[in-house]
């Protein structure tokens, strides 16, 4: 039972933190690396 009360206090603290810091306005940008096109290697001219 004590654990449930502590979890409740933790949830309340997170809610207060979200309201205080306006956490919903924070945005996370994740940039995925793009695959580079394989460039053909230049061939040497025949002598």
PDB file of N, CA and C in Angstrom:
ATOM      1  N   UNK A   1       0.829  -1.200   0.000  1.00  0.00           N
ATOM      2  CA  UNK A   1       0.000   0.000   0.000  1.00  0.00           C
ATOM      3  C   UNK A   1       0.869   1.258   0.000  1.00  0.00           C
ATOM      4  N   UNK A   2       1.955   1.202   0.743  1.00  0.00           N
ATOM      5  CA  UNK A   2       2.871   2.349   0.792  1.00  0.00           C
ATOM      6  C   UNK A   2       3.433   2.621  -0.602  1.00  0.00           C
ATOM      7  N   UNK A   3       3.685   1.545  -1.354  1.00  0.00           N
ATOM      8  CA  UNK A   3       4.236   1.730  -2.701  1.00  0.00           C
ATOM      9  C   UNK A   3       3.247   2.473  -3.596  1.00  0.00           C
ATOM     10  N   UNK A   4       1.983   2.152  -3.460  1.00  0.00           N
ATOM     11  CA  UNK A   4       0.980   2.836  -4.279  1.00  0.00           C
ATOM     12  C   UNK A   4       0.908   4.317  -3.940  1.00  0.00           C
ATOM     13  N   UNK A   5       1.047   4.646  -2.667  1.00  0.00           N
ATOM     14  CA  UNK A   5       1.034   6.051  -2.260  1.00  0.00           C
ATOM     15  C   UNK A   5       2.252   6.770  -2.827  1.00  0.00           C
ATOM     16  N   UNK A   6       3.405   6.116  -2.782  1.00  0.00           N
ATOM     17  CA  UNK A   6       4.620   6.733  -3.329  1.00  0.00           C
ATOM     18  C   UNK A   6       4.518   6.916  -4.843  1.00  0.00           C
ATOM     19  N   UNK A   7       3.938   5.939  -5.521  1.00  0.00           N
ATOM     20  CA  UNK A   7       3.749   6.079  -6.970  1.00  0.00           C
ATOM     21  C   UNK A   7       2.793   7.234  -7.260  1.00  0.00           C
ATOM     22  N   UNK A   8       1.771   7.377  -6.423  1.00  0.00           N
ATOM     23  CA  UNK A   8       0.838   8.489  -6.594  1.00  0.00           C
ATOM     24  C   UNK A   8       1.517   9.833  -6.410  1.00  0.00           C
ATOM     25  N   UNK A   9       2.380   9.932  -5.387  1.00  0.00           N
ATOM     26  CA  UNK A   9       3.122  11.179  -5.176  1.00  0.00           C
ATOM     27  C   UNK A   9       4.060  11.457  -6.345  1.00  0.00           C
ATOM     28  N   UNK A  10       4.674  10.417  -6.866  1.00  0.00           N
ATOM     29  CA  UNK A  10       5.568  10.589  -8.015  1.00  0.00           C
ATOM     30  C   UNK A  10       4.785  11.083  -9.233  1.00  0.00           C
ATOM     31  N   UNK A  11       3.608  10.508  -9.455  1.00  0.00           N
ATOM     32  CA  UNK A  11       2.783  10.943 -10.578  1.00  0.00           C
ATOM     33  C   UNK A  11       2.349  12.395 -10.395  1.00  0.00           C
ATOM     34  N   UNK A  12       2.005  12.769  -9.182  1.00  0.00           N
ATOM     35  CA  UNK A  12       1.624  14.154  -8.901  1.00  0.00           C
ATOM     36  C   UNK A  12       2.804  15.095  -9.147  1.00  0.00           C
ATOM     37  N   UNK A  13       4.000  14.683  -8.729  1.00  0.00           N
ATOM     38  CA  UNK A  13       5.190  15.507  -8.932  1.00  0.00           C
ATOM     39  C   UNK A  13       5.479  15.682 -10.425  1.00  0.00           C
ATOM     40  N   UNK A  14       5.294  14.621 -11.200  1.00  0.00           N
ATOM     41  CA  UNK A  14       5.519  14.711 -12.657  1.00  0.00           C
ATOM     42  C   UNK A  14       4.490  15.648 -13.282  1.00  0.00           C
ATOM     43  N   UNK A  15       3.249  15.577 -12.821  1.00  0.00           N
ATOM     44  CA  UNK A  15       2.210  16.459 -13.338  1.00  0.00           C
ATOM     45  C   UNK A  15       2.528  17.920 -13.027  1.00  0.00           C
ATOM     46  N   UNK A  16       2.959  18.188 -11.804  1.00  0.00           N
ATOM     47  CA  UNK A  16       3.327  19.556 -11.429  1.00  0.00           C
ATOM     48  C   UNK A  16       4.504  20.030 -12.254  1.00  0.00           C
ATOM     49  N   UNK A  17       5.484  19.148 -12.475  1.00  0.00           N
ATOM     50  CA  UNK A  17       6.655  19.519 -13.274  1.00  0.00           C
ATOM     51  C   UNK A  17       6.243  19.852 -14.702  1.00  0.00           C
ATOM     52  N   UNK A  18       5.344  19.043 -15.274  1.00  0.00           N
ATOM     53  CA  UNK A  18       4.885  19.300 -16.645  1.00  0.00           C
ATOM     54  C   UNK A  18       4.178  20.643 -16.747  1.00  0.00           C
ATOM     55  N   UNK A  19       3.338  20.947 -15.759  1.00  0.00           N
ATOM     56  CA  UNK A  19       2.617  22.217 -15.797  1.00  0.00           C
ATOM     57  C   UNK A  19       3.582  23.385 -15.584  1.00  0.00           C
ATOM     58  N   UNK A  20       4.516  23.215 -14.652  1.00  0.00           N
ATOM     59  CA  UNK A  20       5.446  24.299 -14.341  1.00  0.00           C
ATOM     60  C   UNK A  20       6.379  24.600 -15.514  1.00  0.00           C
ATOM     61  N   UNK A  21       6.888  23.574 -16.159  1.00  0.00           N
ATOM     62  CA  UNK A  21       7.866  23.760 -17.234  1.00  0.00           C
ATOM     63  C   UNK A  21       7.255  23.703 -18.622  1.00  0.00           C
ATOM     64  N   UNK A  22       5.951  23.548 -18.688  1.00  0.00           N
ATOM     65  CA  UNK A  22       5.263  23.445 -19.974  1.00  0.00           C
ATOM     66  C   UNK A  22       5.956  22.426 -20.861  1.00  0.00           C
ATOM     67  N   UNK A  23       6.096  21.229 -20.339  1.00  0.00           N
ATOM     68  CA  UNK A  23       6.842  20.185 -21.043  1.00  0.00           C
ATOM     69  C   UNK A  23       6.195  19.819 -22.368  1.00  0.00           C
ATOM     70  N   UNK A  24       4.883  20.097 -22.533  1.00  0.00           N
ATOM     71  CA  UNK A  24       4.235  19.729 -23.784  1.00  0.00           C
ATOM     72  C   UNK A  24       4.676  20.632 -24.923  1.00  0.00           C
ATOM     73  N   UNK A  25       5.353  21.763 -24.604  1.00  0.00           N
ATOM     74  CA  UNK A  25       5.853  22.637 -25.668  1.00  0.00           C
ATOM     75  C   UNK A  25       7.241  22.225 -26.132  1.00  0.00           C
ATOM     76  N   UNK A  26       7.863  21.307 -25.402  1.00  0.00           N
ATOM     77  CA  UNK A  26       9.175  20.849 -25.808  1.00  0.00           C
ATOM     78  C   UNK A  26       9.018  19.941 -27.017  1.00  0.00           C
ATOM     79  N   UNK A  27       9.955  20.019 -27.924  1.00  0.00           N
ATOM     80  CA  UNK A  27       9.899  19.151 -29.087  1.00  0.00           C
ATOM     81  C   UNK A  27      11.243  18.458 -29.239  1.00  0.00           C
ATOM     82  N   UNK A  28      11.184  17.245 -29.683  1.00  0.00           N
ATOM     83  CA  UNK A  28      12.392  16.461 -29.892  1.00  0.00           C
ATOM     84  C   UNK A  28      12.498  16.191 -31.377  1.00  0.00           C
ATOM     85  N   UNK A  29      13.634  16.548 -31.958  1.00  0.00           N
ATOM     86  CA  UNK A  29      13.850  16.331 -33.386  1.00  0.00           C
ATOM     87  C   UNK A  29      14.853  15.198 -33.558  1.00  0.00           C
ATOM     88  N   UNK A  30      14.432  14.202 -34.294  1.00  0.00           N
ATOM     89  CA  UNK A  30      15.318  13.071 -34.569  1.00  0.00           C
ATOM     90  C   UNK A  30      15.586  13.062 -36.059  1.00  0.00           C
ATOM     91  N   UNK A  31      16.860  13.171 -36.412  1.00  0.00           N
ATOM     92  CA  UNK A  31      17.233  13.159 -37.818  1.00  0.00           C
ATOM     93  C   UNK A  31      17.821  11.797 -38.157  1.00  0.00           C
ATOM     94  N   UNK A  32      17.163  11.132 -39.077  1.00  0.00           N
ATOM     95  CA  UNK A  32      17.661   9.828 -39.492  1.00  0.00           C
ATOM     96  C   UNK A  32      18.723  10.030 -40.570  1.00  0.00           C
ATOM     97  N   UNK A  33      19.801   9.263 -40.485  1.00  0.00           N
ATOM     98  CA  UNK A  33      20.833   9.398 -41.527  1.00  0.00           C
ATOM     99  C   UNK A  33      20.289   8.916 -42.866  1.00  0.00           C
ATOM    100  N   UNK A  34      20.615   9.676 -43.913  1.00  0.00           N
ATOM    101  CA  UNK A  34      20.141   9.303 -45.244  1.00  0.00           C
ATOM    102  C   UNK A  34      21.211   8.468 -45.932  1.00  0.00           C
ATOM    103  N   UNK A  35      20.760   7.515 -46.705  1.00  0.00           N
ATOM    104  CA  UNK A  35      21.702   6.662 -47.430  1.00  0.00           C
ATOM    105  C   UNK A  35      22.258   7.441 -48.611  1.00  0.00           C
ATOM    106  N   UNK A  36      23.569   7.478 -48.692  1.00  0.00           N
ATOM    107  CA  UNK A  36      24.202   8.177 -49.809  1.00  0.00           C
ATOM    108  C   UNK A  36      24.143   7.283 -51.050  1.00  0.00           C
ATOM    109  N   UNK A  37      23.912   7.917 -52.194  1.00  0.00           N
ATOM    110  CA  UNK A  37      23.914   7.157 -53.440  1.00  0.00           C
ATOM    111  C   UNK A  37      25.341   6.743 -53.746  1.00  0.00           C
ATOM    112  N   UNK A  38      25.488   5.507 -54.151  1.00  0.00           N
ATOM    113  CA  UNK A  38      26.829   5.011 -54.501  1.00  0.00           C
ATOM    114  C   UNK A  38      27.291   5.675 -55.786  1.00  0.00           C
ATOM    115  N   UNK A  39      28.378   6.407 -55.671  1.00  0.00           N
ATOM    116  CA  UNK A  39      28.915   7.077 -56.857  1.00  0.00           C
ATOM    117  C   UNK A  39      29.861   6.115 -57.567  1.00  0.00           C
ATOM    118  N   UNK A  40      29.713   5.969 -58.860  1.00  0.00           N
ATOM    119  CA  UNK A  40      30.638   5.080 -59.572  1.00  0.00           C
ATOM    120  C   UNK A  40      32.053   5.649 -59.535  1.00  0.00           C
ATOM    121  N   UNK A  41      33.003   4.771 -59.298  1.00  0.00           N
ATOM    122  CA  UNK A  41      34.373   5.229 -59.244  1.00  0.00           C
ATOM    123  C   UNK A  41      34.838   5.580 -60.652  1.00  0.00           C
ATOM    124  N   UNK A  42      35.555   6.690 -60.765  1.00  0.00           N
ATOM    125  CA  UNK A  42      36.029   7.047 -62.115  1.00  0.00           C
ATOM    126  C   UNK A  42      37.022   6.014 -62.629  1.00  0.00           C
ATOM    127  N   UNK A  43      36.815   5.629 -63.858  1.00  0.00           N
ATOM    128  CA  UNK A  43      37.734   4.627 -64.448  1.00  0.00           C
ATOM    129  C   UNK A  43      38.879   5.368 -65.125  1.00  0.00           C
ATOM    130  N   UNK A  44      40.009   4.767 -65.034  1.00  0.00           N
ATOM    131  CA  UNK A  44      41.201   5.375 -65.632  1.00  0.00           C
ATOM    132  C   UNK A  44      41.172   5.119 -67.145  1.00  0.00           C
ATOM    133  N   UNK A  45      41.500   6.112 -67.927  1.00  0.00           N
ATOM    134  CA  UNK A  45      41.526   5.868 -69.382  1.00  0.00           C
ATOM    135  C   UNK A  45      42.639   4.884 -69.754  1.00  0.00           C
ATOM    136  N   UNK A  46      42.345   4.053 -70.728  1.00  0.00           N
ATOM    137  CA  UNK A  46      43.342   3.066 -71.165  1.00  0.00           C
ATOM    138  C   UNK A  46      44.487   3.783 -71.851  1.00  0.00           C
ATOM    139  N   UNK A  47      45.717   3.364 -71.591  1.00  0.00           N
ATOM    140  CA  UNK A  47      46.891   4.045 -72.229  1.00  0.00           C
ATOM    141  C   UNK A  47      47.037   3.709 -73.696  1.00  0.00           C
TER     142      UNK A  47
END
